Amino acid sequence: MLKRALLFATLGLGAAIAGGCGGSDPTATITAAPTPTGTFFLPQSTVNLSTTGSTSTTILAGSTTATVVFPAISLLNQTLTVGGVPGLPSGTTPLLRPRAESNAAIPTAVAAVQISSPTDLTLPTTPRFAFVLPTPAPGASAQPNVQYFIGYLAPDASWVEPLLGPGTLAAGTVSFPVLPQAMSIQANQTYDFALYTLPL
């Protein structure tokens, strides 16, 4: 817990977000400096955010299908562009933080969801994610001995590993609840959410 709190603090996300696993601070936000990431972004969907309820979109990230649910926001006429890529987006740093319980456990990226907005806006929570995993080929392993997590990469920052997880895997779909902390999106910046695995 201390290591995760320190990780969030070094990224300027606030100790309360790290406390999402234990405590909470409703004033904390996930923020990032307005510096281009230089990552590859393939827009697939434009989401018109609602002021009265959640809004969802489904995209492809390689052979993985991702459904992203965005919370209602307070401002009218706000949009997000959403895209996806297999593995990690081009130009991003690799996921390298070993699992705390095992020095040999290196994260393996499965797919990434990328979001961007033409204007500054704030989401009251992180998005909700569900990933439909590809069906294994006959005779191939379904990877039953791994757990799924989501890492987060903001502009001019390092990966937060994990932001969410472990996810709940059922019938080939891995789902993640929201983190109940506000998330600031700055205009024309790319924010990455990477699905990755760690061995049990």
N, C-alpha and C. Protein backbone atom coordinates (compact mmCIF):
# COMPACT_ATOMS: atom_id res chain seq x y z
N MET A 1 0.83 -1.20 0.00
CA MET A 1 0.00 0.00 0.00
C MET A 1 0.86 1.25 0.00
N LEU A 2 1.95 1.24 0.83
CA LEU A 2 2.84 2.39 0.87
C LEU A 2 3.49 2.62 -0.47
N LYS A 3 3.95 1.54 -1.15
CA LYS A 3 4.58 1.69 -2.45
C LYS A 3 3.63 2.29 -3.45
N ARG A 4 2.35 1.86 -3.43
CA ARG A 4 1.40 2.38 -4.39
C ARG A 4 1.11 3.85 -4.10
N ALA A 5 1.02 4.22 -2.80
CA ALA A 5 0.80 5.62 -2.46
C ALA A 5 1.94 6.49 -2.95
N LEU A 6 3.17 6.01 -2.78
CA LEU A 6 4.32 6.77 -3.24
C LEU A 6 4.31 6.90 -4.76
N LEU A 7 3.88 5.85 -5.46
CA LEU A 7 3.82 5.89 -6.91
C LEU A 7 2.85 6.96 -7.37
N PHE A 8 1.67 7.02 -6.77
CA PHE A 8 0.70 8.03 -7.15
C PHE A 8 1.22 9.42 -6.83
N ALA A 9 1.89 9.57 -5.69
CA ALA A 9 2.39 10.88 -5.30
C ALA A 9 3.42 11.39 -6.29
N THR A 10 4.30 10.51 -6.78
CA THR A 10 5.33 10.94 -7.72
C THR A 10 4.73 11.36 -9.05
N LEU A 11 3.53 10.88 -9.39
CA LEU A 11 2.88 11.25 -10.64
C LEU A 11 1.98 12.46 -10.48
N GLY A 12 1.91 13.01 -9.28
CA GLY A 12 1.06 14.16 -9.05
C GLY A 12 -0.41 13.82 -9.06
N LEU A 13 -0.77 12.57 -8.79
CA LEU A 13 -2.17 12.18 -8.81
C LEU A 13 -2.84 12.37 -7.46
N GLY A 14 -2.05 12.58 -6.43
CA GLY A 14 -2.63 12.79 -5.11
C GLY A 14 -2.68 11.50 -4.33
N ALA A 15 -2.32 11.61 -3.06
CA ALA A 15 -2.30 10.41 -2.21
C ALA A 15 -3.67 9.81 -2.05
N ALA A 16 -4.72 10.62 -2.19
CA ALA A 16 -6.07 10.09 -1.99
C ALA A 16 -6.46 9.12 -3.07
N ILE A 17 -5.94 9.27 -4.30
CA ILE A 17 -6.26 8.31 -5.35
C ILE A 17 -5.62 6.98 -5.04
N ALA A 18 -4.39 7.00 -4.56
CA ALA A 18 -3.79 5.76 -4.10
C ALA A 18 -4.64 5.18 -3.00
N GLY A 19 -5.27 6.06 -2.19
CA GLY A 19 -6.17 5.59 -1.15
C GLY A 19 -7.46 5.04 -1.69
N GLY A 20 -7.65 5.03 -3.03
CA GLY A 20 -8.82 4.40 -3.60
C GLY A 20 -8.93 2.96 -3.20
N CYS A 21 -7.81 2.38 -2.77
CA CYS A 21 -7.83 1.00 -2.29
C CYS A 21 -8.11 0.94 -0.80
N GLY A 22 -8.15 2.12 -0.13
CA GLY A 22 -8.37 2.07 1.30
C GLY A 22 -9.15 3.26 1.80
N GLY A 23 -8.77 4.51 1.40
CA GLY A 23 -9.46 5.69 1.83
C GLY A 23 -9.92 6.47 0.64
N SER A 24 -10.44 7.71 0.88
CA SER A 24 -10.91 8.52 -0.24
C SER A 24 -10.82 9.98 0.11
N ASP A 25 -10.71 10.81 -0.91
CA ASP A 25 -10.70 12.26 -0.78
C ASP A 25 -11.45 12.81 -1.97
N PRO A 26 -12.70 13.29 -1.78
CA PRO A 26 -13.51 13.71 -2.94
C PRO A 26 -12.95 14.90 -3.69
N THR A 27 -11.96 15.60 -3.11
CA THR A 27 -11.39 16.75 -3.80
C THR A 27 -10.21 16.39 -4.68
N ALA A 28 -9.72 15.16 -4.60
CA ALA A 28 -8.54 14.77 -5.37
C ALA A 28 -8.90 14.58 -6.83
N THR A 29 -7.98 14.89 -7.73
CA THR A 29 -8.19 14.68 -9.14
C THR A 29 -6.97 14.07 -9.78
N ILE A 30 -7.18 13.34 -10.88
CA ILE A 30 -6.09 12.81 -11.67
C ILE A 30 -5.75 13.89 -12.69
N THR A 31 -4.58 14.47 -12.59
CA THR A 31 -4.22 15.57 -13.48
C THR A 31 -2.94 15.26 -14.22
N ALA A 32 -2.68 16.03 -15.27
CA ALA A 32 -1.46 15.85 -16.04
C ALA A 32 -1.10 17.16 -16.71
N ALA A 33 0.20 17.38 -16.91
CA ALA A 33 0.66 18.59 -17.58
C ALA A 33 0.28 18.54 -19.06
N PRO A 34 -0.02 19.69 -19.68
CA PRO A 34 -0.44 19.72 -21.08
C PRO A 34 0.72 19.57 -22.05
N THR A 35 1.33 18.40 -22.02
CA THR A 35 2.46 18.11 -22.90
C THR A 35 2.12 16.94 -23.80
N PRO A 36 2.28 17.05 -25.13
CA PRO A 36 1.92 15.94 -26.03
C PRO A 36 2.66 14.66 -25.67
N THR A 37 1.99 13.53 -25.80
CA THR A 37 2.60 12.26 -25.46
C THR A 37 3.43 11.70 -26.61
N GLY A 38 3.08 12.05 -27.83
CA GLY A 38 3.79 11.48 -28.98
C GLY A 38 3.39 10.05 -29.27
N THR A 39 2.28 9.59 -28.70
CA THR A 39 1.85 8.21 -28.92
C THR A 39 0.96 8.12 -30.15
N PHE A 40 0.86 6.93 -30.70
CA PHE A 40 -0.03 6.68 -31.83
C PHE A 40 -1.47 6.64 -31.35
N PHE A 41 -2.34 7.37 -32.01
CA PHE A 41 -3.75 7.43 -31.60
C PHE A 41 -4.63 7.14 -32.80
N LEU A 42 -5.43 6.08 -32.71
CA LEU A 42 -6.31 5.69 -33.80
C LEU A 42 -7.76 5.87 -33.34
N PRO A 43 -8.37 7.03 -33.65
CA PRO A 43 -9.74 7.26 -33.20
C PRO A 43 -10.72 6.30 -33.87
N GLN A 44 -11.63 5.76 -33.08
CA GLN A 44 -12.64 4.85 -33.61
C GLN A 44 -14.05 5.30 -33.29
N SER A 45 -14.20 6.13 -32.26
CA SER A 45 -15.53 6.49 -31.81
C SER A 45 -15.52 7.89 -31.18
N THR A 46 -16.56 8.66 -31.44
CA THR A 46 -16.75 9.95 -30.77
C THR A 46 -17.93 9.79 -29.80
N VAL A 47 -17.68 10.10 -28.54
CA VAL A 47 -18.69 9.93 -27.50
C VAL A 47 -19.21 11.30 -27.08
N ASN A 48 -20.51 11.48 -27.18
CA ASN A 48 -21.17 12.69 -26.70
C ASN A 48 -21.57 12.46 -25.25
N LEU A 49 -20.83 13.09 -24.35
CA LEU A 49 -21.07 12.87 -22.93
C LEU A 49 -22.41 13.46 -22.51
N SER A 50 -23.03 12.82 -21.53
CA SER A 50 -24.36 13.21 -21.07
C SER A 50 -24.26 13.91 -19.71
N THR A 51 -25.22 14.77 -19.44
CA THR A 51 -25.31 15.40 -18.12
C THR A 51 -26.28 14.66 -17.22
N THR A 52 -26.97 13.65 -17.75
CA THR A 52 -28.01 12.96 -16.97
C THR A 52 -27.73 11.49 -16.70
N GLY A 53 -26.78 10.90 -17.42
CA GLY A 53 -26.50 9.47 -17.22
C GLY A 53 -25.21 9.08 -17.91
N SER A 54 -24.82 7.84 -17.73
CA SER A 54 -23.57 7.36 -18.31
C SER A 54 -23.70 7.19 -19.82
N THR A 55 -22.55 7.17 -20.50
CA THR A 55 -22.49 7.01 -21.95
C THR A 55 -21.44 5.96 -22.26
N SER A 56 -21.75 5.02 -23.15
CA SER A 56 -20.81 3.94 -23.43
C SER A 56 -20.46 3.89 -24.90
N THR A 57 -19.31 3.30 -25.18
CA THR A 57 -18.89 3.04 -26.55
C THR A 57 -18.11 1.75 -26.57
N THR A 58 -18.12 1.06 -27.71
CA THR A 58 -17.39 -0.19 -27.87
C THR A 58 -16.44 -0.06 -29.05
N ILE A 59 -15.18 -0.43 -28.85
CA ILE A 59 -14.16 -0.30 -29.88
C ILE A 59 -13.37 -1.59 -29.97
N LEU A 60 -12.58 -1.71 -31.03
CA LEU A 60 -11.68 -2.84 -31.19
C LEU A 60 -10.25 -2.42 -30.87
N ALA A 61 -9.56 -3.26 -30.14
CA ALA A 61 -8.14 -3.05 -29.84
C ALA A 61 -7.43 -4.34 -30.25
N GLY A 62 -7.12 -4.43 -31.54
CA GLY A 62 -6.60 -5.70 -32.06
C GLY A 62 -7.72 -6.73 -32.05
N SER A 63 -7.46 -7.87 -31.44
CA SER A 63 -8.48 -8.92 -31.35
C SER A 63 -9.29 -8.84 -30.06
N THR A 64 -9.07 -7.80 -29.30
CA THR A 64 -9.81 -7.58 -28.05
C THR A 64 -10.86 -6.49 -28.26
N THR A 65 -12.07 -6.73 -27.75
CA THR A 65 -13.14 -5.74 -27.83
C THR A 65 -13.27 -5.05 -26.47
N ALA A 66 -13.24 -3.73 -26.50
CA ALA A 66 -13.31 -2.96 -25.26
C ALA A 66 -14.59 -2.14 -25.22
N THR A 67 -15.31 -2.23 -24.11
CA THR A 67 -16.45 -1.36 -23.85
C THR A 67 -16.07 -0.39 -22.74
N VAL A 68 -16.24 0.89 -23.02
CA VAL A 68 -15.86 1.94 -22.08
C VAL A 68 -17.11 2.73 -21.72
N VAL A 69 -17.37 2.86 -20.42
CA VAL A 69 -18.55 3.58 -19.95
C VAL A 69 -18.08 4.84 -19.22
N PHE A 70 -18.51 5.99 -19.72
CA PHE A 70 -18.13 7.27 -19.13
C PHE A 70 -19.25 7.79 -18.24
N PRO A 71 -18.90 8.41 -17.10
CA PRO A 71 -19.93 8.93 -16.21
C PRO A 71 -20.55 10.21 -16.76
N ALA A 72 -21.70 10.58 -16.22
CA ALA A 72 -22.31 11.86 -16.55
C ALA A 72 -21.43 12.99 -16.05
N ILE A 73 -21.43 14.10 -16.78
CA ILE A 73 -20.66 15.27 -16.36
C ILE A 73 -21.58 16.47 -16.24
N SER A 74 -21.06 17.56 -15.68
CA SER A 74 -21.91 18.71 -15.39
C SER A 74 -22.04 19.68 -16.55
N LEU A 75 -21.14 19.62 -17.55
CA LEU A 75 -21.15 20.56 -18.66
C LEU A 75 -21.84 19.99 -19.89
N LEU A 76 -22.55 20.83 -20.62
CA LEU A 76 -23.22 20.43 -21.85
C LEU A 76 -22.25 20.40 -23.02
N ASN A 77 -22.60 19.59 -24.03
CA ASN A 77 -21.90 19.60 -25.33
C ASN A 77 -20.42 19.25 -25.21
N GLN A 78 -20.11 18.24 -24.41
CA GLN A 78 -18.73 17.78 -24.26
C GLN A 78 -18.56 16.44 -24.96
N THR A 79 -17.46 16.27 -25.66
CA THR A 79 -17.21 15.02 -26.39
C THR A 79 -15.84 14.46 -26.05
N LEU A 80 -15.72 13.16 -26.27
CA LEU A 80 -14.45 12.46 -26.15
C LEU A 80 -14.24 11.62 -27.40
N THR A 81 -13.02 11.55 -27.86
CA THR A 81 -12.66 10.64 -28.94
C THR A 81 -11.98 9.43 -28.31
N VAL A 82 -12.40 8.25 -28.73
CA VAL A 82 -11.91 7.01 -28.12
C VAL A 82 -11.32 6.12 -29.22
N GLY A 83 -10.18 5.53 -28.94
CA GLY A 83 -9.54 4.61 -29.87
C GLY A 83 -8.92 3.46 -29.12
N GLY A 84 -8.40 2.49 -29.87
CA GLY A 84 -7.78 1.33 -29.23
C GLY A 84 -6.70 0.73 -30.09
N VAL A 85 -5.74 0.12 -29.45
CA VAL A 85 -4.65 -0.55 -30.15
C VAL A 85 -4.32 -1.85 -29.42
N PRO A 86 -3.82 -2.85 -30.13
CA PRO A 86 -3.33 -4.05 -29.43
C PRO A 86 -2.03 -3.75 -28.72
N GLY A 87 -1.81 -4.42 -27.60
CA GLY A 87 -0.58 -4.18 -26.85
C GLY A 87 -0.55 -2.78 -26.29
N LEU A 88 0.59 -2.10 -26.45
CA LEU A 88 0.73 -0.72 -25.99
C LEU A 88 0.80 0.23 -27.18
N PRO A 89 0.33 1.47 -27.00
CA PRO A 89 0.44 2.45 -28.09
C PRO A 89 1.89 2.71 -28.47
N SER A 90 2.13 2.98 -29.74
CA SER A 90 3.47 3.28 -30.22
C SER A 90 4.01 4.52 -29.51
N GLY A 91 5.26 4.45 -29.08
CA GLY A 91 5.90 5.59 -28.45
C GLY A 91 5.80 5.63 -26.95
N THR A 92 5.00 4.76 -26.34
CA THR A 92 4.90 4.76 -24.89
C THR A 92 5.99 3.90 -24.28
N THR A 93 6.32 4.19 -23.04
CA THR A 93 7.30 3.38 -22.32
C THR A 93 6.67 2.04 -21.95
N PRO A 94 7.47 0.99 -21.83
CA PRO A 94 6.91 -0.33 -21.50
C PRO A 94 6.42 -0.40 -20.06
N LEU A 95 5.56 -1.37 -19.83
CA LEU A 95 5.11 -1.67 -18.47
C LEU A 95 6.19 -2.52 -17.81
N LEU A 96 6.86 -1.97 -16.81
CA LEU A 96 8.02 -2.67 -16.26
C LEU A 96 7.97 -2.85 -14.75
N ARG A 97 6.96 -2.36 -14.08
CA ARG A 97 6.96 -2.47 -12.63
C ARG A 97 6.67 -3.91 -12.22
N PRO A 98 7.62 -4.60 -11.55
CA PRO A 98 7.36 -5.97 -11.11
C PRO A 98 6.24 -6.02 -10.08
N ARG A 99 5.56 -7.12 -10.08
CA ARG A 99 4.54 -7.33 -9.07
C ARG A 99 5.20 -7.37 -7.69
N ALA A 100 4.54 -6.78 -6.71
CA ALA A 100 5.14 -6.64 -5.39
C ALA A 100 5.51 -8.00 -4.77
N GLU A 101 4.70 -9.02 -5.06
CA GLU A 101 4.94 -10.33 -4.44
C GLU A 101 5.97 -11.16 -5.17
N SER A 102 6.39 -10.73 -6.36
CA SER A 102 7.32 -11.54 -7.15
C SER A 102 8.22 -10.65 -7.98
N ASN A 103 9.51 -10.75 -7.77
CA ASN A 103 10.45 -9.93 -8.54
C ASN A 103 10.50 -10.34 -10.01
N ALA A 104 9.99 -11.54 -10.32
CA ALA A 104 10.08 -12.05 -11.69
C ALA A 104 8.83 -11.75 -12.52
N ALA A 105 7.79 -11.19 -11.90
CA ALA A 105 6.52 -10.99 -12.59
C ALA A 105 6.51 -9.66 -13.33
N ILE A 106 6.65 -9.71 -14.65
CA ILE A 106 6.64 -8.51 -15.47
C ILE A 106 5.29 -8.41 -16.18
N PRO A 107 4.67 -7.24 -16.18
CA PRO A 107 3.36 -7.10 -16.84
C PRO A 107 3.42 -7.40 -18.34
N THR A 108 2.39 -8.05 -18.84
CA THR A 108 2.25 -8.32 -20.28
C THR A 108 1.05 -7.55 -20.81
N ALA A 109 1.29 -6.62 -21.73
CA ALA A 109 0.21 -5.79 -22.26
C ALA A 109 -0.67 -6.60 -23.20
N VAL A 110 -1.99 -6.43 -23.08
CA VAL A 110 -2.96 -7.11 -23.93
C VAL A 110 -3.54 -6.13 -24.97
N ALA A 111 -4.00 -5.00 -24.50
CA ALA A 111 -4.62 -3.99 -25.38
C ALA A 111 -4.66 -2.67 -24.64
N ALA A 112 -4.86 -1.59 -25.39
CA ALA A 112 -4.93 -0.27 -24.76
C ALA A 112 -6.09 0.53 -25.35
N VAL A 113 -6.75 1.27 -24.48
CA VAL A 113 -7.78 2.22 -24.86
C VAL A 113 -7.19 3.62 -24.71
N GLN A 114 -7.42 4.47 -25.72
CA GLN A 114 -6.91 5.84 -25.69
C GLN A 114 -8.08 6.81 -25.79
N ILE A 115 -8.03 7.86 -24.98
CA ILE A 115 -9.08 8.87 -25.05
C ILE A 115 -8.47 10.26 -25.19
N SER A 116 -9.22 11.14 -25.84
CA SER A 116 -8.78 12.51 -26.04
C SER A 116 -10.02 13.39 -26.13
N SER A 117 -9.86 14.68 -25.83
CA SER A 117 -10.97 15.62 -25.89
C SER A 117 -10.51 16.91 -26.56
N PRO A 118 -11.39 17.56 -27.34
CA PRO A 118 -11.02 18.84 -27.94
C PRO A 118 -11.05 20.00 -26.95
N THR A 119 -11.62 19.77 -25.76
CA THR A 119 -11.70 20.81 -24.74
C THR A 119 -11.30 20.25 -23.39
N ASP A 120 -10.95 21.12 -22.46
CA ASP A 120 -10.70 20.68 -21.09
C ASP A 120 -12.02 20.24 -20.46
N LEU A 121 -11.97 19.13 -19.74
CA LEU A 121 -13.15 18.69 -19.00
C LEU A 121 -12.73 17.81 -17.84
N THR A 122 -13.66 17.58 -16.94
CA THR A 122 -13.39 16.74 -15.77
C THR A 122 -14.45 15.66 -15.66
N LEU A 123 -14.00 14.42 -15.58
CA LEU A 123 -14.89 13.29 -15.31
C LEU A 123 -14.96 13.11 -13.80
N PRO A 124 -16.14 12.87 -13.24
CA PRO A 124 -16.24 12.71 -11.78
C PRO A 124 -15.62 11.42 -11.26
N THR A 125 -15.47 10.43 -12.15
CA THR A 125 -14.80 9.18 -11.80
C THR A 125 -13.98 8.75 -13.01
N THR A 126 -13.18 7.72 -12.84
CA THR A 126 -12.56 7.10 -14.00
C THR A 126 -13.64 6.39 -14.82
N PRO A 127 -13.38 6.10 -16.09
CA PRO A 127 -14.33 5.30 -16.86
C PRO A 127 -14.45 3.89 -16.28
N ARG A 128 -15.52 3.22 -16.67
CA ARG A 128 -15.69 1.80 -16.36
C ARG A 128 -15.30 1.00 -17.60
N PHE A 129 -14.55 -0.08 -17.41
CA PHE A 129 -14.02 -0.84 -18.54
C PHE A 129 -14.48 -2.29 -18.49
N ALA A 130 -14.74 -2.86 -19.68
CA ALA A 130 -14.96 -4.30 -19.84
C ALA A 130 -14.29 -4.72 -21.15
N PHE A 131 -13.51 -5.78 -21.10
CA PHE A 131 -12.78 -6.26 -22.27
C PHE A 131 -13.22 -7.68 -22.60
N VAL A 132 -13.67 -7.89 -23.83
CA VAL A 132 -13.96 -9.24 -24.31
C VAL A 132 -12.68 -9.79 -24.90
N LEU A 133 -12.15 -10.81 -24.27
CA LEU A 133 -10.86 -11.36 -24.68
C LEU A 133 -11.02 -12.26 -25.89
N PRO A 134 -9.98 -12.35 -26.72
CA PRO A 134 -10.08 -13.23 -27.89
C PRO A 134 -10.19 -14.68 -27.48
N THR A 135 -10.96 -15.45 -28.27
CA THR A 135 -11.12 -16.88 -27.99
C THR A 135 -9.83 -17.61 -28.34
N PRO A 136 -9.29 -18.41 -27.41
CA PRO A 136 -8.05 -19.13 -27.72
C PRO A 136 -8.24 -20.10 -28.88
N ALA A 137 -7.19 -20.27 -29.65
CA ALA A 137 -7.23 -21.27 -30.71
C ALA A 137 -7.35 -22.66 -30.10
N PRO A 138 -7.90 -23.62 -30.85
CA PRO A 138 -8.03 -24.99 -30.31
C PRO A 138 -6.70 -25.51 -29.79
N GLY A 139 -6.73 -25.99 -28.56
CA GLY A 139 -5.52 -26.53 -27.96
C GLY A 139 -4.65 -25.49 -27.28
N ALA A 140 -4.96 -24.21 -27.45
CA ALA A 140 -4.15 -23.15 -26.84
C ALA A 140 -4.62 -22.89 -25.42
N SER A 141 -3.74 -22.33 -24.62
CA SER A 141 -4.07 -22.01 -23.24
C SER A 141 -4.99 -20.80 -23.18
N ALA A 142 -5.96 -20.82 -22.29
CA ALA A 142 -6.85 -19.68 -22.07
C ALA A 142 -6.30 -18.75 -21.01
N GLN A 143 -5.05 -18.95 -20.61
CA GLN A 143 -4.39 -18.15 -19.58
C GLN A 143 -5.19 -18.11 -18.28
N PRO A 144 -5.47 -19.28 -17.69
CA PRO A 144 -6.24 -19.27 -16.45
C PRO A 144 -5.42 -18.83 -15.25
N ASN A 145 -4.11 -18.78 -15.38
CA ASN A 145 -3.25 -18.50 -14.23
C ASN A 145 -2.70 -17.08 -14.23
N VAL A 146 -3.52 -16.13 -14.71
CA VAL A 146 -3.11 -14.73 -14.68
C VAL A 146 -4.23 -13.89 -14.08
N GLN A 147 -3.86 -12.71 -13.66
CA GLN A 147 -4.83 -11.70 -13.25
C GLN A 147 -4.71 -10.51 -14.20
N TYR A 148 -5.81 -9.78 -14.35
CA TYR A 148 -5.86 -8.65 -15.28
C TYR A 148 -5.93 -7.34 -14.51
N PHE A 149 -5.19 -6.36 -15.01
CA PHE A 149 -5.14 -5.04 -14.40
C PHE A 149 -5.21 -3.98 -15.50
N ILE A 150 -5.47 -2.75 -15.10
CA ILE A 150 -5.40 -1.62 -16.02
C ILE A 150 -4.37 -0.62 -15.52
N GLY A 151 -3.42 -0.28 -16.40
CA GLY A 151 -2.46 0.77 -16.11
C GLY A 151 -2.90 2.06 -16.78
N TYR A 152 -2.46 3.18 -16.24
CA TYR A 152 -2.89 4.49 -16.73
C TYR A 152 -1.67 5.35 -17.06
N LEU A 153 -1.71 5.96 -18.25
CA LEU A 153 -0.62 6.84 -18.68
C LEU A 153 -1.19 8.18 -19.10
N ALA A 154 -0.85 9.23 -18.36
CA ALA A 154 -1.25 10.59 -18.70
C ALA A 154 -0.11 11.27 -19.45
N PRO A 155 -0.39 12.38 -20.13
CA PRO A 155 0.68 13.10 -20.83
C PRO A 155 1.80 13.51 -19.88
N ASP A 156 3.03 13.38 -20.38
CA ASP A 156 4.21 13.80 -19.62
C ASP A 156 4.29 13.14 -18.26
N ALA A 157 3.94 11.86 -18.20
CA ALA A 157 3.95 11.13 -16.93
C ALA A 157 4.44 9.71 -17.16
N SER A 158 4.47 8.93 -16.10
CA SER A 158 4.83 7.52 -16.18
C SER A 158 3.59 6.68 -15.93
N TRP A 159 3.69 5.40 -16.30
CA TRP A 159 2.56 4.50 -16.08
C TRP A 159 2.23 4.40 -14.59
N VAL A 160 0.95 4.41 -14.28
CA VAL A 160 0.46 4.04 -12.96
C VAL A 160 0.03 2.58 -13.06
N GLU A 161 0.71 1.71 -12.33
CA GLU A 161 0.48 0.27 -12.43
C GLU A 161 0.27 -0.33 -11.04
N PRO A 162 -0.94 -0.77 -10.71
CA PRO A 162 -2.15 -0.63 -11.53
C PRO A 162 -2.95 0.59 -11.12
N LEU A 163 -3.78 1.06 -12.03
CA LEU A 163 -4.81 2.04 -11.68
C LEU A 163 -6.05 1.30 -11.21
N LEU A 164 -6.39 0.21 -11.91
CA LEU A 164 -7.56 -0.59 -11.57
C LEU A 164 -7.18 -2.07 -11.57
N GLY A 165 -7.83 -2.83 -10.72
CA GLY A 165 -7.63 -4.27 -10.74
C GLY A 165 -7.30 -4.85 -9.38
N PRO A 166 -7.27 -6.19 -9.33
CA PRO A 166 -7.48 -7.09 -10.46
C PRO A 166 -8.93 -7.10 -10.94
N GLY A 167 -9.10 -7.31 -12.25
CA GLY A 167 -10.42 -7.36 -12.83
C GLY A 167 -11.12 -8.67 -12.55
N THR A 168 -12.42 -8.69 -12.79
CA THR A 168 -13.24 -9.89 -12.62
C THR A 168 -13.43 -10.55 -13.97
N LEU A 169 -12.98 -11.79 -14.10
CA LEU A 169 -13.06 -12.53 -15.36
C LEU A 169 -14.22 -13.50 -15.32
N ALA A 170 -15.13 -13.39 -16.29
CA ALA A 170 -16.28 -14.29 -16.37
C ALA A 170 -16.69 -14.42 -17.83
N ALA A 171 -16.81 -15.67 -18.29
CA ALA A 171 -17.26 -15.97 -19.65
C ALA A 171 -16.46 -15.21 -20.71
N GLY A 172 -15.16 -15.11 -20.50
CA GLY A 172 -14.29 -14.50 -21.50
C GLY A 172 -14.26 -12.98 -21.47
N THR A 173 -14.91 -12.38 -20.49
CA THR A 173 -14.91 -10.92 -20.36
C THR A 173 -14.33 -10.52 -19.02
N VAL A 174 -13.38 -9.60 -19.04
CA VAL A 174 -12.79 -9.10 -17.80
C VAL A 174 -13.30 -7.68 -17.57
N SER A 175 -13.84 -7.44 -16.37
CA SER A 175 -14.50 -6.18 -16.05
C SER A 175 -13.82 -5.50 -14.88
N PHE A 176 -13.89 -4.16 -14.88
CA PHE A 176 -13.28 -3.36 -13.83
C PHE A 176 -14.28 -2.32 -13.35
N PRO A 177 -14.41 -2.13 -12.03
CA PRO A 177 -15.25 -1.05 -11.53
C PRO A 177 -14.53 0.29 -11.68
N VAL A 178 -15.26 1.37 -11.45
CA VAL A 178 -14.64 2.69 -11.54
C VAL A 178 -13.81 2.96 -10.29
N LEU A 179 -12.88 3.90 -10.43
CA LEU A 179 -12.19 4.46 -9.28
C LEU A 179 -12.90 5.77 -8.97
N PRO A 180 -13.48 5.92 -7.78
CA PRO A 180 -14.32 7.09 -7.51
C PRO A 180 -13.52 8.35 -7.17
N GLN A 181 -12.67 8.75 -8.10
CA GLN A 181 -11.93 9.99 -7.98
C GLN A 181 -12.03 10.74 -9.31
N ALA A 182 -12.09 12.05 -9.24
CA ALA A 182 -12.25 12.85 -10.45
C ALA A 182 -11.02 12.75 -11.34
N MET A 183 -11.24 12.84 -12.64
CA MET A 183 -10.17 12.72 -13.63
C MET A 183 -10.21 13.92 -14.55
N SER A 184 -9.14 14.72 -14.57
CA SER A 184 -9.07 15.90 -15.42
C SER A 184 -8.50 15.54 -16.78
N ILE A 185 -9.22 15.91 -17.83
CA ILE A 185 -8.78 15.69 -19.21
C ILE A 185 -8.45 17.05 -19.81
N GLN A 186 -7.24 17.20 -20.31
CA GLN A 186 -6.84 18.46 -20.91
C GLN A 186 -6.96 18.36 -22.43
N ALA A 187 -7.31 19.46 -23.04
CA ALA A 187 -7.63 19.50 -24.46
C ALA A 187 -6.48 19.00 -25.32
N ASN A 188 -6.84 18.16 -26.30
CA ASN A 188 -5.90 17.70 -27.34
C ASN A 188 -4.73 16.91 -26.78
N GLN A 189 -4.95 16.24 -25.67
CA GLN A 189 -3.95 15.35 -25.09
C GLN A 189 -4.48 13.91 -25.16
N THR A 190 -3.58 12.95 -25.18
CA THR A 190 -3.97 11.54 -25.24
C THR A 190 -3.74 10.88 -23.89
N TYR A 191 -4.75 10.16 -23.42
CA TYR A 191 -4.70 9.44 -22.15
C TYR A 191 -4.87 7.95 -22.44
N ASP A 192 -3.95 7.15 -21.94
CA ASP A 192 -3.91 5.72 -22.25
C ASP A 192 -4.31 4.87 -21.04
N PHE A 193 -5.14 3.86 -21.31
CA PHE A 193 -5.53 2.87 -20.30
C PHE A 193 -5.18 1.49 -20.86
N ALA A 194 -4.18 0.85 -20.28
CA ALA A 194 -3.68 -0.41 -20.84
C ALA A 194 -4.14 -1.61 -20.00
N LEU A 195 -4.75 -2.57 -20.68
CA LEU A 195 -5.08 -3.84 -20.06
C LEU A 195 -3.83 -4.72 -20.07
N TYR A 196 -3.44 -5.24 -18.91
CA TYR A 196 -2.25 -6.09 -18.87
C TYR A 196 -2.47 -7.23 -17.87
N THR A 197 -1.63 -8.24 -17.99
CA THR A 197 -1.73 -9.41 -17.12
C THR A 197 -0.49 -9.55 -16.25
N LEU A 198 -0.71 -10.20 -15.12
CA LEU A 198 0.37 -10.64 -14.23
C LEU A 198 0.08 -12.07 -13.82
N PRO A 199 1.09 -12.91 -13.72
CA PRO A 199 0.85 -14.29 -13.28
C PRO A 199 0.39 -14.33 -11.84
N LEU A 200 -0.44 -15.31 -11.55
CA LEU A 200 -0.91 -15.50 -10.17
C LEU A 200 0.25 -15.95 -9.29
